[in-house]
Structure formats: structure tokens, C-alpha cells
Amino acid sequence: MSNEITTKAGLPSQATAGDLPPGYNDLLGDIKDEIRTTQIRVKRIVNTEMVCHYWRIGRLILDRQEEEGWGTKVIRRLSVDLQTTFPGQRGLSPRSLRYMQHLAKSWPEAIGQQAVAQLPWGHITVLLDTLDDRLTRDFYAAQAVQHGWSRAFLSNMVSSQLHLRQGMALTNFDTTVPEGSDLLREITRDPYLLEFTRVGADHAERDLEDALVDHVVRFLQELGVGFAFVGRQYPLVVGDQEFRMDLLFYHLRLHRYVVIELKTVPAQPAHLGQLSFYTAVVDDKVRDPSRDDATLGILIAADRNSEVVQYALRGSTQPMAVSTYATLPPEMRALLPTDADLARVTHEVLRSRE
């Protein structure tokens, strides 16, 4: 007579886990991973097919309008007739059909192999609503797919004009890390948008640092995907002296420490000398050479003289970049609600609905 305990469904109970053969848990984990991976892959395939389906509908509408010279009223009639034929099916409203038409017009060729086809429909409508040219839409589509951006994050990146800021910092990557200069340049921006700090030019660097740490999640979003916060005023002991860096991050995808120095004045050669010193020390005393690549230094200053910065960068063997930051001027900050104001209004609205 078997001593195995079974559930109501007739399946073996976990009470027999001690009798499992060696390697069973590894097998179970592998199968779970396979199932999850396949589920994700199937969802992506279904999503891509749906987007291509919408593109084909848009293409049909566009082609017929061009051949027959039909006006926009035909969209409303199509919507009524399609919803009558396919009751309950989503995506057949006049608004949806116009988006499909817009999609086909924006990407004239088949889109099955393009990044936009891998995006959720809501992401695509953001691109269609907010951007006017194909190259810019392709840039944000590729970034959203590569980094898994949410719809809200995509909207934020578009509104902040990431395509005009990414890779625009002055760097010495071509000479210090020629094999990875393009990839490193992608993680830099100029300017960095730090308007959420509410710190102006009349404040000290420590005020800016405090504000960034207070809003570290938003700062990480502005830095870009892959940055992890390590610490502020990070101590470095060299000989019998202690030095403190403003901010230290680690880039999870590039496997590099990133030292960030903040200056509320224009960038000067001395600032880059200080940054080069910090990155060299982190290289020797913090990073693990077996898994971490050379430390990257980023100076974020209030302004910069490009010629001065280029000469200063030329003399360093450490990979470094110089960017500026943008904050709102005092007169504009005064017109915006504070975090406390927003919290108070939100609380009042919630109470009014109780």
C-alpha cells in the first residue's frame, strides 16, 4: 500500500518532497523558466501580429482613398459597418481606424521587422501623437523596445527631447575607450534636465546634491536605463588623506562605476583634473577588475566652454564626459506648485470623494 499523500485533484502532495530524486528542483526550475520565456515570446508574437494587422488595415484605407479620392467621412461609415459585422471587437472605432491609417502613412513599408511592431499599441499612439518625422519615431521606438520603457516613461522621454540630448556630451571616449566609445556615448546626455530639483544658479553645489539625492528616483530616470545609485559623498582614502566624491553610481549593463561631480559654475580644467583623480582611485580601490570595466567620470556643470573642455579632456587617460544641466529659472519655479502643494490638493480631492 502506497504511503504517498495525494491532493483532492489526485496530484502528489508536497509532503513527499524529501523523497524527490537529486536534481529534481533544478529540472523544475528549468521548466518554469521555459514556460515563462515562452509565454513572453508568445505575447510578443501576438502583439506584433496585431500591430501588423492594424498596419494592413491602415494601408487598405490609404490605398483606396488615394485611388478613389475619398474624404474622411468614409472612416465613420467604415467603423459603423465593421462594428456591425464584428460586434464586440475592439479597435474598430473611427479614432482607432484613423490611428491605423496614420500608422500606415508614417511607415509606408511593411513593419513586421521594425522596432515599432514590437511596441504595445498605446506606445505607438504616443509616437504618432507627439512626433512628426519618421527618424525620430524610429529612435524612440528602438529605445522603448531595447529598454522596456512603459508608456508613461516613453512620453516623458519624448517631452524631454531625449533624441536631441543623448550622446551630446563632450567626451574623450574615442581615445580612452575606442572599442566601446559609441556605447558609452549613448549613456551621456547634454543637457541633463534637473528642473525637478528647484535649485537655481544662486545655490551651492551641496544644495544641488541634496536635491538630487532627495529625488534620486527621478534623477536615475534622467540619467537613463541601467544606472544604480551607490552613494553620495563617497569616501576614498588615499595614503593618509580622505577624499569624498559627490555621487557614485554603477551601470548594471556596462559593468562600470560612474563618478558624477556637480558644479554650479562653468566647467574648468581643474574640475576635470579632480574628476580624473576620483575615477583613477575608484579604478584601483573600488572596482573589481575581473568583472568591472574602467570607471567612467561625468562632470555636470552649469555651463561649459567647448574649446576649454576639449583641451582638458585631451590630457586625461580616464574616460570622462562633460555635460551641462538645465533647471527652471526662479520666475518660472515660482509659478509651479511645490510637492507639498500637490500633496495637499490630492488629499483634498480624495477627501471630497469619500
Protein backbone atom coordinates (compact mmCIF):
# COMPACT_ATOMS: atom_id res chain seq x y z
CA MET A 1 0.00 0.00 0.00
CA SER A 2 1.45 3.35 -1.03
CA ASN A 3 2.20 5.93 1.63
CA GLU A 4 2.04 8.80 -0.90
CA ILE A 5 -0.33 11.58 0.13
CA THR A 6 -2.47 12.99 -2.67
CA THR A 7 -4.47 16.19 -3.03
CA LYS A 8 -8.15 16.36 -3.98
CA ALA A 9 -7.03 16.75 -7.60
CA GLY A 10 -5.14 13.47 -7.35
CA LEU A 11 -1.70 15.10 -7.50
CA PRO A 12 1.14 14.13 -5.16
CA SER A 13 1.38 16.36 -2.09
CA GLN A 14 4.49 18.37 -1.24
CA ALA A 15 4.71 16.15 1.82
CA THR A 16 6.76 13.75 -0.33
CA ALA A 17 9.38 16.43 -1.21
CA GLY A 18 12.00 14.63 0.85
CA ASP A 19 11.73 11.62 -1.47
CA LEU A 20 12.49 13.64 -4.62
CA PRO A 21 15.44 12.44 -6.69
CA PRO A 22 18.62 14.56 -6.91
CA GLY A 23 18.37 17.37 -9.43
CA TYR A 24 14.56 17.47 -9.37
CA ASN A 25 14.40 21.09 -8.20
CA ASP A 26 16.82 22.13 -10.94
CA LEU A 27 14.62 20.42 -13.52
CA LEU A 28 11.52 22.08 -12.10
CA GLY A 29 13.21 25.48 -12.22
CA ASP A 30 14.34 24.95 -15.82
CA ILE A 31 10.82 24.01 -16.93
CA LYS A 32 9.32 27.01 -15.12
CA ASP A 33 11.81 29.30 -16.86
CA GLU A 34 10.97 27.71 -20.22
CA ILE A 35 7.24 28.22 -19.66
CA ARG A 36 7.68 31.85 -18.60
CA THR A 37 10.02 32.58 -21.53
CA THR A 38 7.59 31.03 -23.98
CA GLN A 39 4.67 32.97 -22.51
CA ILE A 40 6.57 36.22 -23.02
CA ARG A 41 7.60 35.21 -26.54
CA VAL A 42 4.02 34.29 -27.46
CA LYS A 43 2.73 37.61 -26.14
CA ARG A 44 5.30 39.45 -28.22
CA ILE A 45 4.38 37.46 -31.33
CA VAL A 46 0.68 38.14 -30.78
CA ASN A 47 1.36 41.84 -30.20
CA THR A 48 3.50 42.11 -33.34
CA GLU A 49 0.86 40.37 -35.42
CA MET A 50 -1.82 42.70 -34.06
CA VAL A 51 0.27 45.79 -34.92
CA CYS A 52 0.92 44.42 -38.41
CA HIS A 53 -2.82 43.71 -38.73
CA TYR A 54 -3.57 47.33 -37.84
CA TRP A 55 -0.95 48.48 -40.35
CA ARG A 56 -2.54 46.40 -43.12
CA ILE A 57 -5.97 47.85 -42.37
CA GLY A 58 -4.50 51.35 -42.47
CA ARG A 59 -2.76 50.53 -45.74
CA LEU A 60 -6.03 49.35 -47.28
CA ILE A 61 -7.76 52.58 -46.26
CA LEU A 62 -4.91 54.74 -47.55
CA ASP A 63 -4.69 52.96 -50.89
CA ARG A 64 -8.41 53.20 -51.52
CA GLN A 65 -8.55 56.85 -50.54
CA GLU A 66 -5.70 57.62 -52.94
CA GLU A 67 -7.34 55.68 -55.77
CA GLU A 68 -10.88 56.92 -55.28
CA GLY A 69 -10.26 60.34 -53.72
CA TRP A 70 -12.49 59.53 -50.75
CA GLY A 71 -12.72 62.01 -47.91
CA THR A 72 -12.56 61.48 -44.16
CA LYS A 73 -16.28 60.71 -43.79
CA VAL A 74 -15.68 57.22 -45.11
CA ILE A 75 -13.86 56.39 -41.85
CA ARG A 76 -17.03 56.89 -39.82
CA ARG A 77 -19.06 54.73 -42.22
CA LEU A 78 -16.38 52.01 -42.18
CA SER A 79 -16.43 52.00 -38.39
CA VAL A 80 -20.21 51.53 -38.25
CA ASP A 81 -20.22 48.73 -40.83
CA LEU A 82 -17.26 46.91 -39.29
CA GLN A 83 -18.70 47.06 -35.77
CA THR A 84 -22.00 45.72 -37.14
CA THR A 85 -20.19 42.81 -38.77
CA PHE A 86 -17.87 42.17 -35.79
CA PRO A 87 -19.90 43.16 -32.71
CA GLY A 88 -17.86 43.48 -29.54
CA GLN A 89 -14.49 43.53 -31.29
CA ARG A 90 -12.22 46.30 -30.04
CA GLY A 91 -10.20 48.62 -32.25
CA LEU A 92 -12.86 49.45 -34.83
CA SER A 93 -13.87 52.92 -33.66
CA PRO A 94 -13.33 55.86 -36.02
CA ARG A 95 -10.46 57.04 -33.80
CA SER A 96 -8.76 53.64 -33.97
CA LEU A 97 -9.14 53.44 -37.73
CA ARG A 98 -7.56 56.89 -38.08
CA TYR A 99 -4.62 55.73 -35.98
CA MET A 100 -4.23 52.70 -38.27
CA GLN A 101 -4.27 54.99 -41.26
CA HIS A 102 -1.71 57.24 -39.58
CA LEU A 103 0.48 54.22 -38.79
CA ALA A 104 0.49 53.07 -42.41
CA LYS A 105 1.24 56.57 -43.63
CA SER A 106 4.08 57.05 -41.14
CA TRP A 107 5.70 53.69 -42.02
CA PRO A 108 4.89 53.18 -45.72
CA GLU A 109 6.68 49.83 -45.99
CA ALA A 110 5.71 46.67 -44.11
CA ILE A 111 6.67 47.00 -40.46
CA GLY A 112 6.98 43.38 -39.30
CA GLN A 113 10.76 43.56 -38.83
CA GLN A 114 10.86 47.08 -37.38
CA ALA A 115 11.02 48.12 -33.74
CA VAL A 116 7.62 49.83 -33.85
CA ALA A 117 5.95 46.46 -34.48
CA GLN A 118 7.25 45.23 -31.12
CA LEU A 119 5.61 48.06 -29.17
CA PRO A 120 2.22 47.94 -27.46
CA TRP A 121 -0.47 49.87 -29.32
CA GLY A 122 -0.59 52.57 -26.62
CA HIS A 123 3.12 53.29 -27.12
CA ILE A 124 2.57 53.61 -30.86
CA THR A 125 -0.21 56.15 -30.40
CA VAL A 126 2.17 58.24 -28.26
CA LEU A 127 4.69 58.29 -31.12
CA LEU A 128 2.00 59.17 -33.65
CA ASP A 129 0.51 61.92 -31.48
CA THR A 130 3.71 63.64 -30.39
CA LEU A 131 6.28 63.24 -33.17
CA ASP A 132 6.26 64.41 -36.77
CA ASP A 133 9.12 62.66 -38.55
CA ARG A 134 9.99 59.04 -39.21
CA LEU A 135 13.60 59.11 -37.99
CA THR A 136 12.63 60.47 -34.57
CA ARG A 137 9.81 57.98 -34.19
CA ASP A 138 12.20 55.15 -35.07
CA PHE A 139 14.68 56.40 -32.45
CA TYR A 140 12.13 56.32 -29.65
CA ALA A 141 10.62 53.03 -30.83
CA ALA A 142 14.05 51.38 -30.72
CA GLN A 143 14.85 52.84 -27.31
CA ALA A 144 11.49 51.76 -25.87
CA VAL A 145 11.92 48.20 -27.15
CA GLN A 146 15.55 47.92 -26.05
CA HIS A 147 14.96 49.23 -22.53
CA GLY A 148 11.39 48.09 -21.92
CA TRP A 149 10.01 51.58 -21.34
CA SER A 150 6.50 51.98 -20.03
CA ARG A 151 4.09 54.22 -21.93
CA ALA A 152 4.43 56.96 -19.30
CA PHE A 153 8.22 56.79 -19.41
CA LEU A 154 8.18 56.96 -23.21
CA SER A 155 6.01 60.08 -23.04
CA ASN A 156 8.43 61.63 -20.58
CA MET A 157 11.45 60.90 -22.78
CA VAL A 158 9.70 62.35 -25.83
CA SER A 159 8.69 65.51 -23.99
CA SER A 160 12.26 65.95 -22.70
CA GLN A 161 13.59 65.63 -26.28
CA LEU A 162 15.97 62.80 -25.47
CA HIS A 163 16.84 62.43 -29.17
CA LEU A 164 18.44 65.90 -29.10
CA ARG A 165 20.34 65.30 -25.83
CA GLN A 166 21.56 61.71 -25.93
CA GLY A 167 25.22 61.35 -26.79
CA MET A 168 25.75 65.12 -26.94
CA ALA A 169 28.18 65.46 -24.02
CA LEU A 170 31.80 66.34 -24.77
CA THR A 171 33.93 63.24 -24.12
CA ASN A 172 37.35 61.69 -24.62
CA PHE A 173 35.89 58.21 -25.21
CA ASP A 174 37.37 57.90 -28.72
CA THR A 175 40.89 57.90 -27.29
CA THR A 176 40.37 56.31 -23.86
CA VAL A 177 37.92 53.51 -24.77
CA PRO A 178 37.85 53.37 -28.59
CA GLU A 179 36.34 49.89 -28.68
CA GLY A 180 33.24 50.98 -26.74
CA SER A 181 33.05 54.71 -27.38
CA ASP A 182 29.70 54.62 -29.20
CA LEU A 183 28.03 52.58 -26.46
CA LEU A 184 29.43 54.79 -23.71
CA ARG A 185 28.41 57.94 -25.54
CA GLU A 186 24.82 56.71 -25.61
CA ILE A 187 24.55 56.87 -21.82
CA THR A 188 25.53 60.55 -21.68
CA ARG A 189 23.23 63.49 -22.31
CA ASP A 190 23.54 67.21 -22.65
CA PRO A 191 21.89 68.92 -21.01
CA TYR A 192 20.61 66.83 -18.14
CA LEU A 193 17.16 68.10 -17.19
CA LEU A 194 17.15 68.69 -13.46
CA GLU A 195 14.21 71.08 -13.18
CA PHE A 196 12.65 68.83 -10.53
CA THR A 197 15.38 69.92 -8.09
CA ARG A 198 14.04 73.51 -7.95
CA VAL A 199 17.64 74.61 -7.47
CA GLY A 200 18.90 77.69 -9.30
CA ALA A 201 22.30 79.14 -10.06
CA ASP A 202 22.34 81.05 -6.76
CA HIS A 203 22.53 77.84 -4.73
CA ALA A 204 25.60 75.92 -3.61
CA GLU A 205 26.68 72.60 -5.09
CA ARG A 206 25.69 70.83 -1.88
CA ASP A 207 22.13 72.17 -2.33
CA LEU A 208 22.02 70.64 -5.80
CA GLU A 209 23.45 67.38 -4.49
CA ASP A 210 20.89 67.29 -1.66
CA ALA A 211 18.06 67.90 -4.11
CA LEU A 212 19.25 65.15 -6.45
CA VAL A 213 19.50 62.63 -3.64
CA ASP A 214 16.06 63.67 -2.38
CA HIS A 215 14.73 62.94 -5.88
CA VAL A 216 17.08 60.06 -6.62
CA VAL A 217 14.43 58.02 -8.48
CA ARG A 218 13.73 60.88 -10.87
CA PHE A 219 17.46 61.55 -11.21
CA LEU A 220 18.05 57.89 -12.11
CA GLN A 221 15.35 58.15 -14.76
CA GLU A 222 17.05 61.22 -16.21
CA LEU A 223 20.45 59.51 -16.19
CA GLY A 224 18.99 56.65 -18.19
CA VAL A 225 18.42 52.92 -18.03
CA GLY A 226 20.99 50.86 -16.15
CA PHE A 227 22.22 53.30 -13.51
CA ALA A 228 22.16 52.15 -9.88
CA PHE A 229 22.81 54.57 -7.01
CA VAL A 230 25.78 53.61 -4.82
CA GLY A 231 26.28 56.61 -2.55
CA ARG A 232 26.83 60.33 -2.04
CA GLN A 233 29.94 61.96 -0.61
CA TYR A 234 31.51 58.55 -1.15
CA PRO A 235 34.79 58.32 0.83
CA LEU A 236 38.10 57.48 -0.83
CA VAL A 237 41.18 57.02 1.35
CA VAL A 238 44.46 57.70 -0.41
CA GLY A 239 47.53 57.48 1.81
CA ASP A 240 46.64 59.35 4.98
CA GLN A 241 44.07 61.58 3.27
CA GLU A 242 40.34 61.09 2.76
CA PHE A 243 38.51 62.47 -0.25
CA ARG A 244 34.78 62.47 -0.92
CA MET A 245 33.13 62.24 -4.32
CA ASP A 246 29.79 63.92 -4.90
CA LEU A 247 27.91 60.91 -6.30
CA LEU A 248 28.84 57.35 -7.19
CA PHE A 249 26.74 55.09 -9.43
CA TYR A 250 27.15 51.69 -11.03
CA HIS A 251 25.94 50.96 -14.54
CA LEU A 252 24.48 47.46 -14.45
CA ARG A 253 24.62 46.82 -18.19
CA LEU A 254 28.04 48.29 -18.88
CA HIS A 255 29.55 46.91 -15.66
CA ARG A 256 31.27 50.20 -14.83
CA TYR A 257 31.33 52.50 -11.86
CA VAL A 258 30.31 56.05 -12.77
CA VAL A 259 31.59 59.02 -10.77
CA ILE A 260 29.46 62.17 -11.08
CA GLU A 261 30.78 65.53 -9.96
CA LEU A 262 28.44 68.52 -9.76
CA LYS A 263 29.41 72.15 -10.33
CA THR A 264 27.10 75.16 -10.21
CA VAL A 265 29.68 77.17 -12.14
CA PRO A 266 31.05 76.70 -15.69
CA ALA A 267 33.31 73.68 -16.17
CA GLN A 268 37.02 74.37 -15.58
CA PRO A 269 40.17 72.31 -16.27
CA ALA A 270 40.66 71.93 -12.51
CA HIS A 271 37.26 70.27 -12.21
CA LEU A 272 38.27 67.67 -14.78
CA GLY A 273 41.58 67.12 -13.01
CA GLN A 274 39.66 66.40 -9.81
CA LEU A 275 37.28 64.07 -11.65
CA SER A 276 40.17 62.23 -13.31
CA PHE A 277 41.74 61.71 -9.88
CA TYR A 278 38.50 60.28 -8.47
CA THR A 279 37.96 57.88 -11.37
CA ALA A 280 41.56 56.65 -11.13
CA VAL A 281 41.17 55.96 -7.40
CA VAL A 282 37.84 54.17 -7.89
CA ASP A 283 39.51 52.08 -10.58
CA ASP A 284 42.21 50.93 -8.17
CA LYS A 285 40.40 50.78 -4.84
CA VAL A 286 36.69 50.13 -5.52
CA ARG A 287 36.10 48.26 -8.76
CA ASP A 288 36.72 44.55 -9.28
CA PRO A 289 38.98 44.28 -12.36
CA SER A 290 37.78 40.73 -13.02
CA ARG A 291 34.24 41.90 -13.78
CA ASP A 292 34.20 45.72 -13.95
CA ASP A 293 35.44 47.80 -16.86
CA ALA A 294 37.23 51.14 -16.43
CA THR A 295 35.42 53.69 -14.30
CA LEU A 296 33.63 56.49 -16.12
CA GLY A 297 33.61 60.10 -14.90
CA ILE A 298 30.86 62.60 -15.73
CA LEU A 299 31.12 66.28 -14.85
CA ILE A 300 27.74 68.04 -14.82
CA ALA A 301 28.34 71.78 -14.75
CA ALA A 302 26.20 74.89 -15.09
CA ASP A 303 27.88 75.74 -18.40
CA ARG A 304 30.95 74.91 -20.46
CA ASN A 305 33.38 76.37 -22.94
CA SER A 306 33.71 73.63 -25.56
CA GLU A 307 37.27 74.53 -26.55
CA VAL A 308 38.49 74.64 -22.95
CA VAL A 309 36.80 71.32 -22.17
CA GLN A 310 38.26 69.60 -25.23
CA TYR A 311 41.80 70.63 -24.27
CA ALA A 312 41.25 69.49 -20.69
CA LEU A 313 39.87 66.13 -21.79
CA ARG A 314 42.76 65.57 -24.16
CA GLY A 315 45.20 65.39 -21.26
CA SER A 316 43.37 62.61 -19.38
CA THR A 317 43.66 58.86 -19.82
CA GLN A 318 40.45 58.27 -17.84
CA PRO A 319 37.17 58.05 -19.81
CA MET A 320 35.26 61.23 -18.97
CA ALA A 321 32.35 63.30 -20.24
CA VAL A 322 31.28 66.88 -19.59
CA SER A 323 27.61 67.84 -19.67
CA THR A 324 25.52 70.74 -18.53
CA TYR A 325 22.25 70.75 -16.64
CA ALA A 326 19.05 72.69 -17.17
CA THR A 327 16.84 73.89 -14.36
CA LEU A 328 13.89 76.22 -14.40
CA PRO A 329 14.62 79.92 -13.79
CA PRO A 330 13.35 81.35 -10.48
CA GLU A 331 10.46 83.23 -12.10
CA MET A 332 9.14 80.00 -13.64
CA ARG A 333 9.72 77.93 -10.49
CA ALA A 334 7.65 80.46 -8.56
CA LEU A 335 4.67 79.71 -10.80
CA LEU A 336 4.81 75.96 -10.21
CA PRO A 337 3.24 74.18 -7.23
CA THR A 338 5.57 72.64 -4.68
CA ASP A 339 5.47 68.96 -3.75
CA ALA A 340 3.60 69.96 -0.59
CA ASP A 341 1.03 71.88 -2.65
CA LEU A 342 0.42 68.87 -4.88
CA ALA A 343 0.12 66.55 -1.88
CA ARG A 344 -2.37 68.92 -0.21
CA VAL A 345 -4.55 69.22 -3.33
CA THR A 346 -4.50 65.47 -3.86
CA HIS A 347 -5.52 64.89 -0.25
CA GLU A 348 -8.39 67.39 -0.56
CA VAL A 349 -9.65 65.76 -3.74
CA LEU A 350 -9.59 62.30 -2.17
CA ARG A 351 -11.43 63.55 0.93
CA SER A 352 -14.10 65.22 -1.21
CA ARG A 353 -14.89 61.84 -2.78
CA GLU A 354 -15.25 59.95 0.47
